Amino acid sequence: MDYKHLLFIALLSLIACCIIMFLVWIWAKKIKNAGVVDVFWALNFPVITVITFLLSEGFETRKILISSMFLIAELRLGLHLWQRVIGHLDEEEGRYVQLRKEWGNKADRNFFFFFQFQAISNVLLAIPFFIIMANPNTEISILEYIGLGIWVISFFGEMIADHQLAVFKKDTKNKGKVCDTGLWYYSRHPNYFFEWLTWMSYFIFALATPWGVLAIISPAIILYLLLKVTGVPNNEEQNLRSKPVAYKRYQETTNAFFPWWKKG
C-alpha cells in the first residue's frame, strides 16, 4: 500500500472540502443562516468519494462496494438535511441562533472557523474510506461482509427514524409534544445512534485491510461529537427550551442514545 499516495488523496480531499465550506460560509453569511453547513457537511463525503475512487489503486470490486455504501448513506443524509434546511432558509435552526447570540459581533468570524472545522472533520472521518480504497487484496473477507451487514441495518434504521420524526412533526396535533413512538420509544436520538453505527460498520469493514485498526478514529470522533458537542447536547437544550415539562419526562424514561427499554 502506497501511504504517500494515500496522504496525497487525503490532502486533495481536504483542499476540496475547505474550498466548498468557504463558499458555503459566504452564502450563509449573506442569507444569515448557518444551518446550511449541515447539508454541505454531508455532501462533502460524495466529493471525497469521487476523488478517492478516481485516484486510489485498490481492488476494483471493493472500491465499487465501499464507494456505493458511502455515496448512498451520505446522499440520503444530505437530501434529508437539504429538505429540512434549504426548504426553510428564512428560519435558522435554534442551535445556530443560540451560537449567533453567544458570539455577538464575532459570529461571522467564528462561523468561518466552524465551517472550516467541518471540512477537516470530513477528511478525518473518511480515514476508513481512504484505507479501504487502497486495499489491493482481490478477496472480499468475512469482516467486510459483516461490515456491509451492519451498514444495511444502520442505513435503514436512520432512514426510518428520520421518517418517523418528520411524520410526527407534520401532524399539527403534535405541536408542543415529544415524539416517543416507533424507534423514538427506545431512544431519544435513534437517528444519531444509527448514524454512529454506520461509521462503526466502516471501521469493521476496514479491519480486513492492513492498518485498518486506525479506522477506529471515525466512530470515536462521531460518538464524541454526537454525545458531547453538536448532537445530543444541542438538541436536548433546544427541546428543553421549547417543551420543558414533556421533554423532562421523556428524559427520565428513555435512554439518550443507545436504544433500550423504557425505565420505570
C-alpha atoms as a PDB file:
ATOM      1  CA  MET A   1       0.000   0.000   0.000  1.00  0.00           C
ATOM      2  CA  ASP A   2       1.427   3.378  -1.043  1.00  0.00           C
ATOM      3  CA  TYR A   3       0.942   5.590   2.028  1.00  0.00           C
ATOM      4  CA  LYS A   4       2.367   8.699   0.344  1.00  0.00           C
ATOM      5  CA  HIS A   5      -0.291   8.333  -2.323  1.00  0.00           C
ATOM      6  CA  LEU A   6      -2.941   7.958   0.401  1.00  0.00           C
ATOM      7  CA  LEU A   7      -1.760  11.187   2.042  1.00  0.00           C
ATOM      8  CA  PHE A   8      -1.884  12.944  -1.329  1.00  0.00           C
ATOM      9  CA  ILE A   9      -5.520  11.837  -1.821  1.00  0.00           C
ATOM     10  CA  ALA A  10      -6.408  12.959   1.719  1.00  0.00           C
ATOM     11  CA  LEU A  11      -4.747  16.351   1.169  1.00  0.00           C
ATOM     12  CA  LEU A  12      -6.541  16.851  -2.147  1.00  0.00           C
ATOM     13  CA  SER A  13      -9.837  15.939  -0.454  1.00  0.00           C
ATOM     14  CA  LEU A  14      -9.128  18.413   2.353  1.00  0.00           C
ATOM     15  CA  ILE A  15      -8.443  21.248  -0.109  1.00  0.00           C
ATOM     16  CA  ALA A  16     -11.679  20.480  -1.974  1.00  0.00           C
ATOM     17  CA  CYS A  17     -13.746  20.369   1.240  1.00  0.00           C
ATOM     18  CA  CYS A  18     -12.198  23.592   2.591  1.00  0.00           C
ATOM     19  CA  ILE A  19     -12.968  25.440  -0.654  1.00  0.00           C
ATOM     20  CA  ILE A  20     -16.549  24.173  -0.617  1.00  0.00           C
ATOM     21  CA  MET A  21     -17.024  25.213   3.014  1.00  0.00           C
ATOM     22  CA  PHE A  22     -15.530  28.644   2.295  1.00  0.00           C
ATOM     23  CA  LEU A  23     -18.093  29.178  -0.466  1.00  0.00           C
ATOM     24  CA  VAL A  24     -20.881  27.876   1.782  1.00  0.00           C
ATOM     25  CA  TRP A  25     -19.747  30.277   4.533  1.00  0.00           C
ATOM     26  CA  ILE A  26     -20.018  33.220   2.113  1.00  0.00           C
ATOM     27  CA  TRP A  27     -23.556  32.089   1.210  1.00  0.00           C
ATOM     28  CA  ALA A  28     -24.502  31.519   4.885  1.00  0.00           C
ATOM     29  CA  LYS A  29     -23.219  34.987   5.767  1.00  0.00           C
ATOM     30  CA  LYS A  30     -25.316  36.528   3.010  1.00  0.00           C
ATOM     31  CA  ILE A  31     -28.554  34.758   3.948  1.00  0.00           C
ATOM     32  CA  LYS A  32     -27.811  34.810   7.717  1.00  0.00           C
ATOM     33  CA  ASN A  33     -28.429  31.080   8.088  1.00  0.00           C
ATOM     34  CA  ALA A  34     -25.509  28.959   9.302  1.00  0.00           C
ATOM     35  CA  GLY A  35     -27.647  25.810   9.191  1.00  0.00           C
ATOM     36  CA  VAL A  36     -26.654  25.242   5.558  1.00  0.00           C
ATOM     37  CA  VAL A  37     -23.310  23.913   6.869  1.00  0.00           C
ATOM     38  CA  ASP A  38     -25.051  20.676   7.922  1.00  0.00           C
ATOM     39  CA  VAL A  39     -26.194  19.998   4.365  1.00  0.00           C
ATOM     40  CA  PHE A  40     -22.782  20.513   2.817  1.00  0.00           C
ATOM     41  CA  TRP A  41     -21.008  18.610   5.593  1.00  0.00           C
ATOM     42  CA  ALA A  42     -22.928  15.543   4.404  1.00  0.00           C
ATOM     43  CA  LEU A  43     -22.451  16.376   0.714  1.00  0.00           C
ATOM     44  CA  ASN A  44     -18.680  16.757   1.121  1.00  0.00           C
ATOM     45  CA  PHE A  45     -18.418  12.987   1.556  1.00  0.00           C
ATOM     46  CA  PRO A  46     -19.594  12.242  -2.003  1.00  0.00           C
ATOM     47  CA  VAL A  47     -16.916  14.715  -3.194  1.00  0.00           C
ATOM     48  CA  ILE A  48     -14.295  12.769  -1.208  1.00  0.00           C
ATOM     49  CA  THR A  49     -15.708   9.520  -2.601  1.00  0.00           C
ATOM     50  CA  VAL A  50     -15.317  10.622  -6.226  1.00  0.00           C
ATOM     51  CA  ILE A  51     -11.776  11.963  -5.690  1.00  0.00           C
ATOM     52  CA  THR A  52     -10.661   8.803  -3.891  1.00  0.00           C
ATOM     53  CA  PHE A  53     -12.333   6.419  -6.340  1.00  0.00           C
ATOM     54  CA  LEU A  54     -10.604   8.064  -9.295  1.00  0.00           C
ATOM     55  CA  LEU A  55      -7.144   8.194  -7.673  1.00  0.00           C
ATOM     56  CA  SER A  56      -6.920   5.126  -5.417  1.00  0.00           C
ATOM     57  CA  GLU A  57      -5.287   1.889  -6.563  1.00  0.00           C
ATOM     58  CA  GLY A  58      -7.195  -0.800  -4.627  1.00  0.00           C
ATOM     59  CA  PHE A  59      -9.200  -3.805  -5.839  1.00  0.00           C
ATOM     60  CA  GLU A  60     -11.921  -2.517  -8.183  1.00  0.00           C
ATOM     61  CA  THR A  61     -14.809  -4.604  -6.761  1.00  0.00           C
ATOM     62  CA  ARG A  62     -14.027  -3.454  -3.204  1.00  0.00           C
ATOM     63  CA  LYS A  63     -13.742   0.155  -4.393  1.00  0.00           C
ATOM     64  CA  ILE A  64     -17.184  -0.032  -6.003  1.00  0.00           C
ATOM     65  CA  LEU A  65     -18.711  -1.682  -2.920  1.00  0.00           C
ATOM     66  CA  ILE A  66     -17.413   0.765  -0.299  1.00  0.00           C
ATOM     67  CA  SER A  67     -17.959   3.773  -2.599  1.00  0.00           C
ATOM     68  CA  SER A  68     -21.589   2.726  -3.061  1.00  0.00           C
ATOM     69  CA  MET A  69     -22.037   2.432   0.713  1.00  0.00           C
ATOM     70  CA  PHE A  70     -20.547   5.888   1.275  1.00  0.00           C
ATOM     71  CA  LEU A  71     -22.481   7.539  -1.550  1.00  0.00           C
ATOM     72  CA  ILE A  72     -25.865   6.025  -0.676  1.00  0.00           C
ATOM     73  CA  ALA A  73     -25.595   6.844   3.039  1.00  0.00           C
ATOM     74  CA  GLU A  74     -24.308  10.399   2.658  1.00  0.00           C
ATOM     75  CA  LEU A  75     -26.521  11.364  -0.272  1.00  0.00           C
ATOM     76  CA  ARG A  76     -29.552  10.160   1.718  1.00  0.00           C
ATOM     77  CA  LEU A  77     -28.438  12.211   4.723  1.00  0.00           C
ATOM     78  CA  GLY A  78     -27.628  15.193   2.517  1.00  0.00           C
ATOM     79  CA  LEU A  79     -31.051  15.026   0.825  1.00  0.00           C
ATOM     80  CA  HIS A  80     -32.782  14.733   4.206  1.00  0.00           C
ATOM     81  CA  LEU A  81     -30.911  17.783   5.521  1.00  0.00           C
ATOM     82  CA  TRP A  82     -31.499  19.644   2.268  1.00  0.00           C
ATOM     83  CA  GLN A  83     -35.261  19.240   2.657  1.00  0.00           C
ATOM     84  CA  ARG A  84     -35.083  20.270   6.326  1.00  0.00           C
ATOM     85  CA  VAL A  85     -32.760  23.273   5.946  1.00  0.00           C
ATOM     86  CA  ILE A  86     -32.941  24.571   2.374  1.00  0.00           C
ATOM     87  CA  GLY A  87     -36.737  24.494   2.472  1.00  0.00           C
ATOM     88  CA  HIS A  88     -36.676  26.984   5.378  1.00  0.00           C
ATOM     89  CA  LEU A  89     -33.768  29.305   4.586  1.00  0.00           C
ATOM     90  CA  ASP A  90     -35.521  32.247   6.224  1.00  0.00           C
ATOM     91  CA  GLU A  91     -35.611  30.368   9.551  1.00  0.00           C
ATOM     92  CA  GLU A  92     -32.246  29.495  11.154  1.00  0.00           C
ATOM     93  CA  GLU A  93     -32.175  26.414  13.392  1.00  0.00           C
ATOM     94  CA  GLY A  94     -32.275  27.051  17.129  1.00  0.00           C
ATOM     95  CA  ARG A  95     -28.742  25.850  17.908  1.00  0.00           C
ATOM     96  CA  TYR A  96     -27.234  28.260  15.369  1.00  0.00           C
ATOM     97  CA  VAL A  97     -29.438  31.102  16.582  1.00  0.00           C
ATOM     98  CA  GLN A  98     -28.079  30.429  20.074  1.00  0.00           C
ATOM     99  CA  LEU A  99     -24.467  30.412  18.826  1.00  0.00           C
ATOM    100  CA  ARG A 100     -25.070  33.664  16.965  1.00  0.00           C
ATOM    101  CA  LYS A 101     -26.348  35.250  20.192  1.00  0.00           C
ATOM    102  CA  GLU A 102     -23.401  33.959  22.228  1.00  0.00           C
ATOM    103  CA  TRP A 103     -20.795  35.076  19.679  1.00  0.00           C
ATOM    104  CA  GLY A 104     -22.354  38.507  19.066  1.00  0.00           C
ATOM    105  CA  ASN A 105     -20.373  40.675  16.610  1.00  0.00           C
ATOM    106  CA  LYS A 106     -17.788  37.882  16.235  1.00  0.00           C
ATOM    107  CA  ALA A 107     -20.379  35.470  14.851  1.00  0.00           C
ATOM    108  CA  ASP A 108     -19.332  35.676  11.178  1.00  0.00           C
ATOM    109  CA  ARG A 109     -15.652  35.180  12.032  1.00  0.00           C
ATOM    110  CA  ASN A 110     -16.383  32.271  14.379  1.00  0.00           C
ATOM    111  CA  PHE A 111     -18.691  30.636  11.854  1.00  0.00           C
ATOM    112  CA  PHE A 112     -15.877  30.806   9.289  1.00  0.00           C
ATOM    113  CA  PHE A 113     -13.641  28.698  11.559  1.00  0.00           C
ATOM    114  CA  PHE A 114     -16.584  26.470  12.463  1.00  0.00           C
ATOM    115  CA  PHE A 115     -17.245  25.770   8.773  1.00  0.00           C
ATOM    116  CA  GLN A 116     -13.567  25.015   8.130  1.00  0.00           C
ATOM    117  CA  PHE A 117     -13.510  22.644  11.099  1.00  0.00           C
ATOM    118  CA  GLN A 118     -16.398  20.786   9.456  1.00  0.00           C
ATOM    119  CA  ALA A 119     -14.257  20.369   6.320  1.00  0.00           C
ATOM    120  CA  ILE A 120     -11.376  18.989   8.414  1.00  0.00           C
ATOM    121  CA  SER A 121     -13.769  16.607  10.163  1.00  0.00           C
ATOM    122  CA  ASN A 122     -14.944  15.350   6.754  1.00  0.00           C
ATOM    123  CA  VAL A 123     -11.412  14.170   5.937  1.00  0.00           C
ATOM    124  CA  LEU A 124     -10.689  12.759   9.397  1.00  0.00           C
ATOM    125  CA  LEU A 125     -13.917  10.770   9.300  1.00  0.00           C
ATOM    126  CA  ALA A 126     -13.061   9.477   5.820  1.00  0.00           C
ATOM    127  CA  ILE A 127      -9.935   7.690   7.133  1.00  0.00           C
ATOM    128  CA  PRO A 128     -11.628   4.241   6.930  1.00  0.00           C
ATOM    129  CA  PHE A 129     -12.606   5.030   3.354  1.00  0.00           C
ATOM    130  CA  PHE A 130      -9.062   6.018   2.335  1.00  0.00           C
ATOM    131  CA  ILE A 131      -7.647   2.835   3.895  1.00  0.00           C
ATOM    132  CA  ILE A 132     -10.246   0.500   2.369  1.00  0.00           C
ATOM    133  CA  MET A 133      -9.941   2.020  -1.113  1.00  0.00           C
ATOM    134  CA  ALA A 134      -6.189   1.307  -1.136  1.00  0.00           C
ATOM    135  CA  ASN A 135      -6.556  -2.408  -0.287  1.00  0.00           C
ATOM    136  CA  PRO A 136      -5.258  -4.454  -3.277  1.00  0.00           C
ATOM    137  CA  ASN A 137      -6.485  -7.840  -1.920  1.00  0.00           C
ATOM    138  CA  THR A 138      -8.733  -9.468  -4.534  1.00  0.00           C
ATOM    139  CA  GLU A 139     -10.761 -11.453  -1.969  1.00  0.00           C
ATOM    140  CA  ILE A 140     -13.649  -9.877  -0.014  1.00  0.00           C
ATOM    141  CA  SER A 141     -13.258 -11.105   3.579  1.00  0.00           C
ATOM    142  CA  ILE A 142     -15.858 -12.134   6.183  1.00  0.00           C
ATOM    143  CA  LEU A 143     -15.146  -8.905   8.124  1.00  0.00           C
ATOM    144  CA  GLU A 144     -16.099  -6.879   5.075  1.00  0.00           C
ATOM    145  CA  TYR A 145     -19.356  -8.825   4.713  1.00  0.00           C
ATOM    146  CA  ILE A 146     -20.090  -8.240   8.428  1.00  0.00           C
ATOM    147  CA  GLY A 147     -19.383  -4.527   7.958  1.00  0.00           C
ATOM    148  CA  LEU A 148     -21.772  -4.473   4.999  1.00  0.00           C
ATOM    149  CA  GLY A 149     -24.483  -6.201   7.057  1.00  0.00           C
ATOM    150  CA  ILE A 150     -24.176  -3.683   9.901  1.00  0.00           C
ATOM    151  CA  TRP A 151     -24.221  -0.857   7.355  1.00  0.00           C
ATOM    152  CA  VAL A 152     -27.539  -2.119   5.913  1.00  0.00           C
ATOM    153  CA  ILE A 153     -29.105  -2.210   9.402  1.00  0.00           C
ATOM    154  CA  SER A 154     -27.810   1.267  10.283  1.00  0.00           C
ATOM    155  CA  PHE A 155     -28.849   2.776   6.936  1.00  0.00           C
ATOM    156  CA  PHE A 156     -32.453   1.628   7.220  1.00  0.00           C
ATOM    157  CA  GLY A 157     -32.534   2.378  10.956  1.00  0.00           C
ATOM    158  CA  GLU A 158     -31.526   6.004  10.434  1.00  0.00           C
ATOM    159  CA  MET A 159     -33.866   6.418   7.468  1.00  0.00           C
ATOM    160  CA  ILE A 160     -36.824   5.024   9.450  1.00  0.00           C
ATOM    161  CA  ALA A 161     -36.024   7.211  12.495  1.00  0.00           C
ATOM    162  CA  ASP A 162     -35.837  10.361  10.333  1.00  0.00           C
ATOM    163  CA  HIS A 163     -39.105   9.455   8.590  1.00  0.00           C
ATOM    164  CA  GLN A 164     -40.924   8.780  11.866  1.00  0.00           C
ATOM    165  CA  LEU A 165     -39.852  12.145  13.291  1.00  0.00           C
ATOM    166  CA  ALA A 166     -40.811  14.001  10.091  1.00  0.00           C
ATOM    167  CA  VAL A 167     -44.291  12.419  10.073  1.00  0.00           C
ATOM    168  CA  PHE A 168     -44.734  13.279  13.762  1.00  0.00           C
ATOM    169  CA  LYS A 169     -43.767  16.925  13.220  1.00  0.00           C
ATOM    170  CA  LYS A 170     -46.071  17.293  10.204  1.00  0.00           C
ATOM    171  CA  ASP A 171     -49.134  16.492  12.327  1.00  0.00           C
ATOM    172  CA  THR A 172     -50.301  19.798  13.826  1.00  0.00           C
ATOM    173  CA  LYS A 173     -51.889  17.885  16.720  1.00  0.00           C
ATOM    174  CA  ASN A 174     -48.372  17.071  17.942  1.00  0.00           C
ATOM    175  CA  LYS A 175     -47.280  20.696  18.393  1.00  0.00           C
ATOM    176  CA  GLY A 176     -45.579  21.003  21.772  1.00  0.00           C
ATOM    177  CA  LYS A 177     -45.451  17.226  22.205  1.00  0.00           C
ATOM    178  CA  VAL A 178     -42.455  14.855  22.208  1.00  0.00           C
ATOM    179  CA  CYS A 179     -42.068  12.149  19.567  1.00  0.00           C
ATOM    180  CA  ASP A 180     -41.865   8.924  21.589  1.00  0.00           C
ATOM    181  CA  THR A 181     -43.245   6.378  19.160  1.00  0.00           C
ATOM    182  CA  GLY A 182     -41.526   3.877  16.881  1.00  0.00           C
ATOM    183  CA  LEU A 183     -37.753   3.906  17.289  1.00  0.00           C
ATOM    184  CA  TRP A 184     -38.089   7.064  19.377  1.00  0.00           C
ATOM    185  CA  TYR A 185     -39.778   4.974  22.064  1.00  0.00           C
ATOM    186  CA  TYR A 186     -36.457   3.208  22.732  1.00  0.00           C
ATOM    187  CA  SER A 187     -34.040   6.129  22.325  1.00  0.00           C
ATOM    188  CA  ARG A 188     -34.274   9.915  22.454  1.00  0.00           C
ATOM    189  CA  HIS A 189     -31.918  10.082  19.472  1.00  0.00           C
ATOM    190  CA  PRO A 190     -32.214   6.877  17.388  1.00  0.00           C
ATOM    191  CA  ASN A 191     -31.153   8.789  14.251  1.00  0.00           C
ATOM    192  CA  TYR A 192     -27.849   9.710  15.924  1.00  0.00           C
ATOM    193  CA  PHE A 193     -27.370   6.149  17.155  1.00  0.00           C
ATOM    194  CA  PHE A 194     -27.750   4.685  13.671  1.00  0.00           C
ATOM    195  CA  GLU A 195     -25.507   7.407  12.200  1.00  0.00           C
ATOM    196  CA  TRP A 196     -22.792   6.309  14.644  1.00  0.00           C
ATOM    197  CA  LEU A 197     -23.472   2.650  13.792  1.00  0.00           C
ATOM    198  CA  THR A 198     -22.896   3.478  10.126  1.00  0.00           C
ATOM    199  CA  TRP A 199     -19.371   4.638  10.975  1.00  0.00           C
ATOM    200  CA  MET A 200     -18.842   1.525  13.086  1.00  0.00           C
ATOM    201  CA  SER A 201     -19.670  -0.539  10.005  1.00  0.00           C
ATOM    202  CA  TYR A 202     -16.910   1.241   8.045  1.00  0.00           C
ATOM    203  CA  PHE A 203     -14.462   0.528  10.866  1.00  0.00           C
ATOM    204  CA  ILE A 204     -15.325  -3.185  10.863  1.00  0.00           C
ATOM    205  CA  PHE A 205     -15.073  -3.220   7.065  1.00  0.00           C
ATOM    206  CA  ALA A 206     -11.621  -1.602   7.296  1.00  0.00           C
ATOM    207  CA  LEU A 207     -10.302  -4.239   9.722  1.00  0.00           C
ATOM    208  CA  ALA A 208      -9.777  -6.524   6.725  1.00  0.00           C
ATOM    209  CA  THR A 209      -7.190  -4.045   5.397  1.00  0.00           C
ATOM    210  CA  PRO A 210      -3.608  -3.554   6.685  1.00  0.00           C
ATOM    211  CA  TRP A 211      -3.603  -0.753   9.269  1.00  0.00           C
ATOM    212  CA  GLY A 212      -7.396  -0.872   9.234  1.00  0.00           C
ATOM    213  CA  VAL A 213      -7.451  -0.586  13.028  1.00  0.00           C
ATOM    214  CA  LEU A 214      -6.641   3.130  12.548  1.00  0.00           C
ATOM    215  CA  ALA A 215     -10.176   3.486  11.217  1.00  0.00           C
ATOM    216  CA  ILE A 216     -11.465   3.417  14.820  1.00  0.00           C
ATOM    217  CA  ILE A 217     -10.850   7.172  14.822  1.00  0.00           C
ATOM    218  CA  SER A 218     -14.019   7.731  12.764  1.00  0.00           C
ATOM    219  CA  PRO A 219     -16.663   6.123  15.027  1.00  0.00           C
ATOM    220  CA  ALA A 220     -14.765   7.517  18.043  1.00  0.00           C
ATOM    221  CA  ILE A 221     -14.954  11.096  16.686  1.00  0.00           C
ATOM    222  CA  ILE A 222     -18.592  10.684  15.663  1.00  0.00           C
ATOM    223  CA  LEU A 223     -19.508   9.319  19.099  1.00  0.00           C
ATOM    224  CA  TYR A 224     -17.758  12.224  20.833  1.00  0.00           C
ATOM    225  CA  LEU A 225     -19.376  14.840  18.583  1.00  0.00           C
ATOM    226  CA  LEU A 226     -22.833  13.322  18.933  1.00  0.00           C
ATOM    227  CA  LEU A 227     -22.706  12.852  22.702  1.00  0.00           C
ATOM    228  CA  LYS A 228     -20.660  15.867  23.781  1.00  0.00           C
ATOM    229  CA  VAL A 229     -20.631  18.582  21.115  1.00  0.00           C
ATOM    230  CA  THR A 230     -23.091  19.186  18.271  1.00  0.00           C
ATOM    231  CA  GLY A 231     -25.542  16.292  18.542  1.00  0.00           C
ATOM    232  CA  VAL A 232     -27.333  15.288  21.717  1.00  0.00           C
ATOM    233  CA  PRO A 233     -26.419  18.325  23.925  1.00  0.00           C
ATOM    234  CA  ASN A 234     -27.637  20.970  21.454  1.00  0.00           C
ATOM    235  CA  ASN A 235     -30.751  19.010  20.565  1.00  0.00           C
ATOM    236  CA  GLU A 236     -31.609  18.387  24.228  1.00  0.00           C
ATOM    237  CA  GLU A 237     -31.148  22.065  25.131  1.00  0.00           C
ATOM    238  CA  GLN A 238     -33.401  23.122  22.269  1.00  0.00           C
ATOM    239  CA  ASN A 239     -36.115  20.620  23.242  1.00  0.00           C
ATOM    240  CA  LEU A 240     -35.962  21.631  26.904  1.00  0.00           C
ATOM    241  CA  ARG A 241     -36.431  25.262  25.867  1.00  0.00           C
ATOM    242  CA  SER A 242     -39.382  24.539  23.571  1.00  0.00           C
ATOM    243  CA  LYS A 243     -41.227  21.880  25.651  1.00  0.00           C
ATOM    244  CA  PRO A 244     -39.629  21.732  29.124  1.00  0.00           C
ATOM    245  CA  VAL A 245     -42.178  19.612  31.007  1.00  0.00           C
ATOM    246  CA  ALA A 246     -42.829  16.990  28.327  1.00  0.00           C
ATOM    247  CA  TYR A 247     -39.175  16.622  27.397  1.00  0.00           C
ATOM    248  CA  LYS A 248     -38.020  16.385  31.004  1.00  0.00           C
ATOM    249  CA  ARG A 249     -40.430  13.463  31.468  1.00  0.00           C
ATOM    250  CA  TYR A 250     -39.082  11.905  28.252  1.00  0.00           C
ATOM    251  CA  GLN A 251     -35.520  12.215  29.585  1.00  0.00           C
ATOM    252  CA  GLU A 252     -36.472  10.419  32.792  1.00  0.00           C
ATOM    253  CA  THR A 253     -37.874   7.357  30.997  1.00  0.00           C
ATOM    254  CA  THR A 254     -35.862   6.981  27.784  1.00  0.00           C
ATOM    255  CA  ASN A 255     -32.182   6.372  27.050  1.00  0.00           C
ATOM    256  CA  ALA A 256     -30.438   9.297  25.378  1.00  0.00           C
ATOM    257  CA  PHE A 257     -28.520   7.340  22.747  1.00  0.00           C
ATOM    258  CA  PHE A 258     -28.392   3.539  22.819  1.00  0.00           C
ATOM    259  CA  PRO A 259     -31.870   2.060  22.189  1.00  0.00           C
ATOM    260  CA  TRP A 260     -33.263   0.218  25.215  1.00  0.00           C
ATOM    261  CA  TRP A 261     -36.475  -0.456  27.095  1.00  0.00           C
ATOM    262  CA  LYS A 262     -38.217   2.335  29.000  1.00  0.00           C
ATOM    263  CA  LYS A 263     -37.191   2.986  32.598  1.00  0.00           C
ATOM    264  CA  GLY A 264     -39.786   2.536  35.284  1.00  0.00           C
END
